[in-house]
């Protein structure tokens, strides 16, 4: 079977889905290919915090795209609810960061970026998050930090893409990118052939398998992260809590997510008892009431870690009808709306709100391995 389209997007995570949506909004006949089930990899596994962890530690190349996406999310949430009836639960929970030793410097940094921030004393912490460990005496309070319920976002985007006429092909792992004369002539899966004017690789950690034969390709490695879920009574915790690179995320229905670990162990997504103990010990030490609730679920996802966390967004330097939107590491949800818009602007030769140069396929990304920011 042969599928024809103007654009073929490979990868059905948040990045690929929003990229397909942007192409559709631009009038392109778009097909979306996913090796398994749409939205069931890192996009589903993450916590849904719409703010980079410790943003002052992030390279400007990451932060600028995150902040641009934050401007887009409110309208996106409204449009998706209007068009699909699905609420992605965009909630301004605020975040308490409980492990800073240089609050003054951080407050100055936040002021320069117009990010609302304030010191929170012990009494203020207890007002914002009653029952938090009373030994936590000082924190940084970021009142405008938002979250979304990422499974709801996946559901809404799927319905939206179908409504817009985007053809979605699940269970279609790419087996061949037929390249000649500096163009992709077609793309093949086990039982289908896809012919398009332009192709986009947005397959998360699996993008590496599609580009690994190229000596000039940036490296994208799977970075495993594990999460726990507790079911508590609604309102038990209302603020997001960040401490020592791990976090608590309260949902409106009383679920509390705890994340996350970081491990480079290939494509193995098997949850481990070690991670379970680490996350549970963190959770109950920060928020003791969780001792009274059983762990409802544990899972793992694979983040696509590109060098220094800087994604690839742009055209291939030698193959004229191939582009990339991948390698967003821990910031896929944070960067997705703006990176999708940037990629589509570049494909259609439109001006981009942010400089696209740092995200190019052949951009200099340094040599340090990603750390857990």
Protein backbone atom coordinates (compact mmCIF):
# COMPACT_ATOMS: atom_id res chain seq x y z
CA UNK A 1 0.00 0.00 0.00
CA UNK A 2 1.27 3.47 -0.91
CA UNK A 3 0.37 6.57 1.09
CA UNK A 4 0.91 9.97 -0.49
CA UNK A 5 1.04 13.30 1.32
CA UNK A 6 2.64 16.72 1.22
CA UNK A 7 4.34 16.09 4.58
CA UNK A 8 5.17 12.88 6.42
CA UNK A 9 6.03 13.27 10.11
CA UNK A 10 7.76 10.25 11.68
CA UNK A 11 7.02 10.00 15.40
CA UNK A 12 3.73 10.28 17.25
CA UNK A 13 4.79 11.92 20.52
CA UNK A 14 3.90 15.44 21.59
CA UNK A 15 6.61 16.89 19.32
CA UNK A 16 5.47 14.93 16.28
CA UNK A 17 1.76 15.53 16.93
CA UNK A 18 2.17 19.28 17.34
CA UNK A 19 4.45 19.40 14.29
CA UNK A 20 1.80 17.59 12.23
CA UNK A 21 -0.82 19.98 13.56
CA UNK A 22 1.22 23.02 12.53
CA UNK A 23 1.71 21.64 9.03
CA UNK A 24 -2.02 20.98 8.79
CA UNK A 25 -2.79 24.51 9.97
CA UNK A 26 -0.49 25.73 7.19
CA UNK A 27 -2.60 23.86 4.64
CA UNK A 28 -0.33 20.87 4.05
CA UNK A 29 -1.76 17.40 3.52
CA UNK A 30 -0.05 15.61 6.39
CA UNK A 31 0.54 12.02 7.46
CA UNK A 32 1.80 11.01 10.90
CA UNK A 33 3.64 7.70 11.37
CA UNK A 34 4.17 6.06 14.77
CA UNK A 35 6.10 2.83 15.40
CA UNK A 36 3.77 1.81 18.24
CA UNK A 37 0.79 3.74 19.63
CA UNK A 38 0.57 7.51 19.37
CA UNK A 39 1.65 9.36 22.50
CA UNK A 40 2.62 6.34 24.60
CA UNK A 41 6.34 6.95 25.02
CA UNK A 42 8.03 9.88 26.81
CA UNK A 43 5.07 12.19 26.12
CA UNK A 44 2.77 10.01 28.21
CA UNK A 45 5.38 9.06 30.81
CA UNK A 46 6.38 12.59 31.87
CA UNK A 47 4.95 14.70 34.64
CA UNK A 48 3.59 17.64 32.69
CA UNK A 49 5.45 20.50 34.41
CA UNK A 50 5.42 23.46 32.02
CA UNK A 51 8.64 25.01 33.21
CA UNK A 52 12.24 23.84 32.95
CA UNK A 53 13.61 22.53 36.23
CA UNK A 54 16.08 25.03 37.70
CA UNK A 55 15.73 27.31 34.66
CA UNK A 56 18.75 29.43 35.62
CA UNK A 57 20.91 26.34 34.95
CA UNK A 58 19.57 25.92 31.43
CA UNK A 59 21.34 27.12 28.30
CA UNK A 60 19.65 30.11 26.73
CA UNK A 61 18.92 27.95 23.68
CA UNK A 62 16.63 25.78 25.80
CA UNK A 63 15.13 28.49 27.97
CA UNK A 64 14.09 30.77 25.10
CA UNK A 65 12.08 28.02 23.39
CA UNK A 66 10.49 26.99 26.69
CA UNK A 67 9.39 30.55 27.46
CA UNK A 68 8.02 30.98 23.93
CA UNK A 69 6.01 27.78 24.34
CA UNK A 70 4.57 29.03 27.63
CA UNK A 71 3.11 31.97 25.70
CA UNK A 72 1.42 29.53 23.29
CA UNK A 73 -0.04 26.99 25.73
CA UNK A 74 -3.05 28.95 27.05
CA UNK A 75 -4.47 29.51 23.57
CA UNK A 76 -3.61 25.94 22.56
CA UNK A 77 -5.46 24.59 25.60
CA UNK A 78 -8.48 26.75 24.79
CA UNK A 79 -8.52 25.74 21.13
CA UNK A 80 -8.20 22.05 21.91
CA UNK A 81 -11.02 22.20 24.44
CA UNK A 82 -13.24 24.05 21.99
CA UNK A 83 -12.48 21.67 19.12
CA UNK A 84 -12.38 18.34 20.97
CA UNK A 85 -14.11 18.85 24.33
CA UNK A 86 -11.04 17.53 26.15
CA UNK A 87 -9.61 19.58 28.99
CA UNK A 88 -5.81 19.26 29.12
CA UNK A 89 -5.99 20.60 32.70
CA UNK A 90 -3.68 23.55 32.30
CA UNK A 91 -3.38 24.58 35.95
CA UNK A 92 -1.26 27.25 37.60
CA UNK A 93 -0.14 25.27 40.64
CA UNK A 94 3.00 27.22 41.39
CA UNK A 95 6.21 25.54 42.49
CA UNK A 96 8.24 25.51 45.70
CA UNK A 97 11.93 24.83 45.11
CA UNK A 98 13.32 23.59 48.40
CA UNK A 99 17.03 23.06 47.87
CA UNK A 100 18.54 26.40 46.85
CA UNK A 101 21.61 27.83 48.55
CA UNK A 102 21.91 31.04 46.52
CA UNK A 103 18.42 32.51 46.58
CA UNK A 104 19.67 36.07 46.11
CA UNK A 105 21.39 35.27 42.83
CA UNK A 106 18.42 33.26 41.64
CA UNK A 107 15.98 36.03 42.55
CA UNK A 108 18.06 38.50 40.59
CA UNK A 109 18.09 36.14 37.62
CA UNK A 110 14.31 35.69 37.79
CA UNK A 111 13.82 39.46 37.89
CA UNK A 112 15.87 39.92 34.73
CA UNK A 113 13.64 37.35 32.97
CA UNK A 114 10.35 38.76 34.30
CA UNK A 115 9.69 35.50 36.16
CA UNK A 116 7.74 36.03 39.38
CA UNK A 117 9.71 34.63 42.31
CA UNK A 118 9.99 35.22 46.04
CA UNK A 119 11.65 33.74 49.08
CA UNK A 120 9.31 31.61 51.14
CA UNK A 121 9.89 31.43 54.87
CA UNK A 122 9.01 28.39 56.97
CA UNK A 123 5.59 29.85 57.81
CA UNK A 124 4.95 30.75 54.18
CA UNK A 125 5.93 27.25 53.07
CA UNK A 126 3.45 25.74 55.51
CA UNK A 127 0.74 28.11 54.30
CA UNK A 128 1.36 27.17 50.67
CA UNK A 129 1.86 23.46 51.29
CA UNK A 130 0.50 22.38 54.67
CA UNK A 131 1.94 19.06 55.90
CA UNK A 132 5.15 19.51 53.94
CA UNK A 133 8.12 18.34 56.00
CA UNK A 134 8.51 21.04 58.69
CA UNK A 135 12.29 20.70 58.48
CA UNK A 136 12.08 22.52 55.14
CA UNK A 137 12.71 26.03 56.41
CA UNK A 138 13.31 28.01 53.24
CA UNK A 139 12.25 27.74 49.62
CA UNK A 140 11.92 29.69 46.43
CA UNK A 141 8.29 30.29 45.48
CA UNK A 142 7.44 30.52 41.77
CA UNK A 143 3.70 31.24 41.72
CA UNK A 144 3.17 31.19 37.95
CA UNK A 145 4.54 27.74 37.15
CA UNK A 146 1.90 25.67 35.36
CA UNK A 147 1.27 22.01 34.68
CA UNK A 148 -0.81 20.05 32.24
CA UNK A 149 -2.16 16.52 32.33
CA UNK A 150 -0.14 15.16 29.46
CA UNK A 151 -2.33 12.07 28.76
CA UNK A 152 -5.22 14.51 28.23
CA UNK A 153 -3.06 16.57 25.88
CA UNK A 154 -2.30 13.44 23.84
CA UNK A 155 -6.00 12.54 23.70
CA UNK A 156 -6.98 16.06 22.62
CA UNK A 157 -4.26 16.28 19.98
CA UNK A 158 -5.20 12.91 18.53
CA UNK A 159 -8.83 13.98 18.15
CA UNK A 160 -7.77 17.35 16.78
CA UNK A 161 -5.49 15.80 14.15
CA UNK A 162 -8.22 13.42 13.02
CA UNK A 163 -10.68 16.32 12.80
CA UNK A 164 -8.20 18.25 10.67
CA UNK A 165 -7.74 15.39 8.23
CA UNK A 166 -4.24 14.35 9.28
CA UNK A 167 -3.85 10.64 8.50
CA UNK A 168 -2.44 8.76 11.48
CA UNK A 169 -0.63 5.46 10.94
CA UNK A 170 0.15 3.50 14.12
CA UNK A 171 2.23 0.33 14.31
CA UNK A 172 4.40 1.52 11.42
CA UNK A 173 8.10 1.30 12.21
CA UNK A 174 10.30 2.81 9.51
CA UNK A 175 12.49 0.21 7.79
CA UNK A 176 13.90 2.32 4.95
CA UNK A 177 14.50 5.93 4.02
CA UNK A 178 15.18 5.71 0.30
CA UNK A 179 17.62 8.50 -0.50
CA UNK A 180 18.99 9.43 -3.93
CA UNK A 181 20.01 12.68 -5.60
CA UNK A 182 20.02 14.35 -2.17
CA UNK A 183 16.32 13.70 -1.69
CA UNK A 184 14.21 11.18 0.15
CA UNK A 185 12.33 9.42 -2.63
CA UNK A 186 10.10 7.42 -0.32
CA UNK A 187 9.88 5.94 3.15
CA UNK A 188 8.99 2.32 3.85
CA UNK A 189 7.56 0.44 6.80
CA UNK A 190 6.83 -3.28 6.94
CA UNK A 191 3.64 -3.05 4.90
CA UNK A 192 3.39 0.52 3.60
CA UNK A 193 5.26 2.94 1.38
CA UNK A 194 5.03 6.69 2.02
CA UNK A 195 5.68 9.23 -0.71
CA UNK A 196 5.76 12.92 0.19
CA UNK A 197 7.25 16.25 -0.78
CA UNK A 198 8.91 16.59 2.64
CA UNK A 199 9.74 14.30 5.58
CA UNK A 200 10.25 15.18 9.24
CA UNK A 201 11.93 12.95 11.82
CA UNK A 202 10.40 13.47 15.28
CA UNK A 203 10.75 9.99 16.69
CA UNK A 204 12.18 10.91 20.07
CA UNK A 205 14.86 8.52 21.34
CA UNK A 206 14.22 6.29 18.32
CA UNK A 207 15.36 9.01 15.91
CA UNK A 208 18.91 7.80 16.54
CA UNK A 209 18.11 4.52 14.81
CA UNK A 210 17.12 6.45 11.69
CA UNK A 211 20.25 8.63 11.52
CA UNK A 212 22.96 6.48 13.12
CA UNK A 213 24.50 5.55 9.76
CA UNK A 214 25.44 9.18 9.19
CA UNK A 215 28.87 10.11 10.55
CA UNK A 216 27.87 13.80 10.83
CA UNK A 217 24.71 13.15 12.88
CA UNK A 218 24.32 14.46 16.43
CA UNK A 219 23.91 11.74 19.04
CA UNK A 220 20.50 11.13 20.59
CA UNK A 221 20.44 8.58 23.38
CA UNK A 222 17.52 7.19 25.41
CA UNK A 223 17.53 8.54 28.97
CA UNK A 224 15.31 6.43 31.19
CA UNK A 225 13.16 8.16 33.78
CA UNK A 226 10.88 6.43 36.27
CA UNK A 227 7.76 7.78 38.00
CA UNK A 228 5.41 6.82 40.82
CA UNK A 229 1.73 7.64 41.25
CA UNK A 230 -0.19 7.93 44.53
CA UNK A 231 -3.96 8.35 44.85
CA UNK A 232 -4.82 10.72 47.69
CA UNK A 233 -7.78 12.88 48.54
CA UNK A 234 -8.16 16.00 46.35
CA UNK A 235 -6.46 19.05 47.80
CA UNK A 236 -4.04 17.19 50.07
CA UNK A 237 -1.20 18.86 48.15
CA UNK A 238 -1.83 21.83 45.87
CA UNK A 239 1.66 23.04 44.93
CA UNK A 240 4.39 21.39 42.92
CA UNK A 241 7.47 20.65 45.00
CA UNK A 242 11.03 20.41 43.63
CA UNK A 243 13.99 19.22 45.66
CA UNK A 244 17.29 17.65 44.64
CA UNK A 245 16.18 17.12 41.02
CA UNK A 246 13.01 15.24 42.02
CA UNK A 247 9.48 16.56 42.27
CA UNK A 248 5.91 16.10 43.42
CA UNK A 249 3.08 17.07 41.08
CA UNK A 250 -0.47 17.21 42.48
CA UNK A 251 -3.37 16.65 40.11
CA UNK A 252 -6.82 18.13 40.66
CA UNK A 253 -8.37 14.70 41.35
CA UNK A 254 -5.96 13.91 44.20
CA UNK A 255 -3.35 11.92 42.27
CA UNK A 256 0.22 12.89 43.13
CA UNK A 257 3.03 12.10 40.70
CA UNK A 258 6.58 11.61 41.94
CA UNK A 259 9.53 11.81 39.59
CA UNK A 260 11.95 11.22 38.31
CA UNK A 261 15.07 9.15 38.02
CA UNK A 262 17.71 9.36 35.32
CA UNK A 263 19.50 6.36 33.89
CA UNK A 264 21.27 5.65 30.63
CA UNK A 265 20.47 1.99 30.00
CA UNK A 266 19.59 1.76 26.32
CA UNK A 267 16.01 1.13 25.26
CA UNK A 268 15.03 -0.87 28.35
CA UNK A 269 11.91 0.64 29.97
CA UNK A 270 11.48 -1.96 32.70
CA UNK A 271 10.63 -0.30 36.04
CA UNK A 272 13.03 -1.21 38.84
CA UNK A 273 12.71 -1.75 42.58
CA UNK A 274 15.71 0.52 43.12
CA UNK A 275 13.95 3.44 41.45
CA UNK A 276 10.76 2.65 43.33
CA UNK A 277 12.56 2.85 46.67
CA UNK A 278 14.42 6.02 45.70
CA UNK A 279 11.26 7.82 44.60
CA UNK A 280 9.15 6.61 47.52
CA UNK A 281 11.80 7.61 50.07
CA UNK A 282 12.03 11.03 48.48
CA UNK A 283 8.26 11.45 48.41
CA UNK A 284 7.61 10.58 52.05
CA UNK A 285 10.61 12.55 53.29
CA UNK A 286 9.34 15.72 51.61
CA UNK A 287 5.61 15.10 52.11
CA UNK A 288 5.11 12.71 55.05
CA UNK A 289 1.32 12.18 54.53
CA UNK A 290 2.18 9.98 51.55
CA UNK A 291 3.20 7.28 54.05
CA UNK A 292 -0.53 6.71 54.48
CA UNK A 293 -1.17 6.01 50.81
CA UNK A 294 -0.21 3.05 48.67
CA UNK A 295 1.71 3.43 45.43
CA UNK A 296 -0.90 3.07 42.72
CA UNK A 297 1.41 2.76 39.74
CA UNK A 298 5.04 2.83 38.63
CA UNK A 299 6.27 3.34 35.09
CA UNK A 300 9.26 4.40 33.02
CA UNK A 301 9.79 6.40 29.86
CA UNK A 302 12.73 7.14 27.56
CA UNK A 303 13.61 10.78 27.05
CA UNK A 304 15.52 11.65 23.85
CA UNK A 305 18.78 13.12 25.17
CA UNK A 306 20.76 15.16 22.67
CA UNK A 307 24.09 16.72 23.67
CA UNK A 308 23.59 19.43 26.33
CA UNK A 309 19.84 18.96 25.97
CA UNK A 310 19.74 21.14 22.86
CA UNK A 311 17.32 19.63 20.32
CA UNK A 312 17.64 19.38 16.56
CA UNK A 313 15.09 21.66 14.91
CA UNK A 314 15.57 22.36 11.23
CA UNK A 315 16.42 21.10 7.79
CA UNK A 316 18.97 18.44 6.95
CA UNK A 317 22.15 20.09 5.60
CA UNK A 318 22.43 17.79 2.57
CA UNK A 319 19.05 16.11 2.00
CA UNK A 320 16.82 18.87 0.72
CA UNK A 321 13.44 17.41 1.65
CA UNK A 322 14.29 16.12 5.13
CA UNK A 323 13.95 17.95 8.45
CA UNK A 324 14.20 17.19 12.17
CA UNK A 325 12.35 18.08 15.34
CA UNK A 326 13.84 15.82 18.01
CA UNK A 327 16.22 15.45 20.94
CA UNK A 328 14.38 17.60 23.51
CA UNK A 329 15.50 15.52 26.52
CA UNK A 330 13.51 16.54 29.64
CA UNK A 331 11.90 19.56 28.01
CA UNK A 332 9.75 18.02 25.28
CA UNK A 333 6.46 19.27 26.70
CA UNK A 334 8.02 22.62 27.58
CA UNK A 335 9.42 23.21 24.11
CA UNK A 336 6.89 21.43 21.90
CA UNK A 337 4.58 24.26 20.72
CA UNK A 338 7.38 26.69 19.89
CA UNK A 339 9.67 24.07 18.34
CA UNK A 340 6.82 22.82 16.14
CA UNK A 341 6.12 26.35 14.91
CA UNK A 342 9.83 26.96 14.31
CA UNK A 343 10.23 23.77 12.26
CA UNK A 344 7.23 24.53 10.06
CA UNK A 345 8.44 28.12 9.54
CA UNK A 346 11.82 26.79 8.43
CA UNK A 347 10.34 24.24 6.03
CA UNK A 348 8.18 26.96 4.42
CA UNK A 349 11.05 29.48 4.43
CA UNK A 350 9.25 31.83 6.80
CA UNK A 351 10.88 34.06 9.39
CA UNK A 352 11.20 32.50 12.84
CA UNK A 353 10.56 34.40 16.12
CA UNK A 354 13.77 32.93 17.56
CA UNK A 355 17.07 32.34 15.80
CA UNK A 356 17.08 28.79 14.46
CA UNK A 357 20.86 28.52 14.14
CA UNK A 358 21.59 26.88 17.55
CA UNK A 359 19.21 24.00 16.78
CA UNK A 360 20.51 23.12 13.32
CA UNK A 361 21.48 19.54 12.53
CA UNK A 362 25.13 20.53 12.23
CA UNK A 363 25.19 23.14 15.04
CA UNK A 364 27.95 22.95 17.66
CA UNK A 365 26.41 21.46 20.80
CA UNK A 366 29.53 20.91 22.89
CA UNK A 367 30.70 17.57 24.21
CA UNK A 368 29.27 17.26 27.72
CA UNK A 369 26.76 14.56 28.50
CA UNK A 370 23.31 15.73 29.58
CA UNK A 371 22.95 16.13 33.32
CA UNK A 372 19.73 15.86 35.28
CA UNK A 373 18.51 19.40 35.31
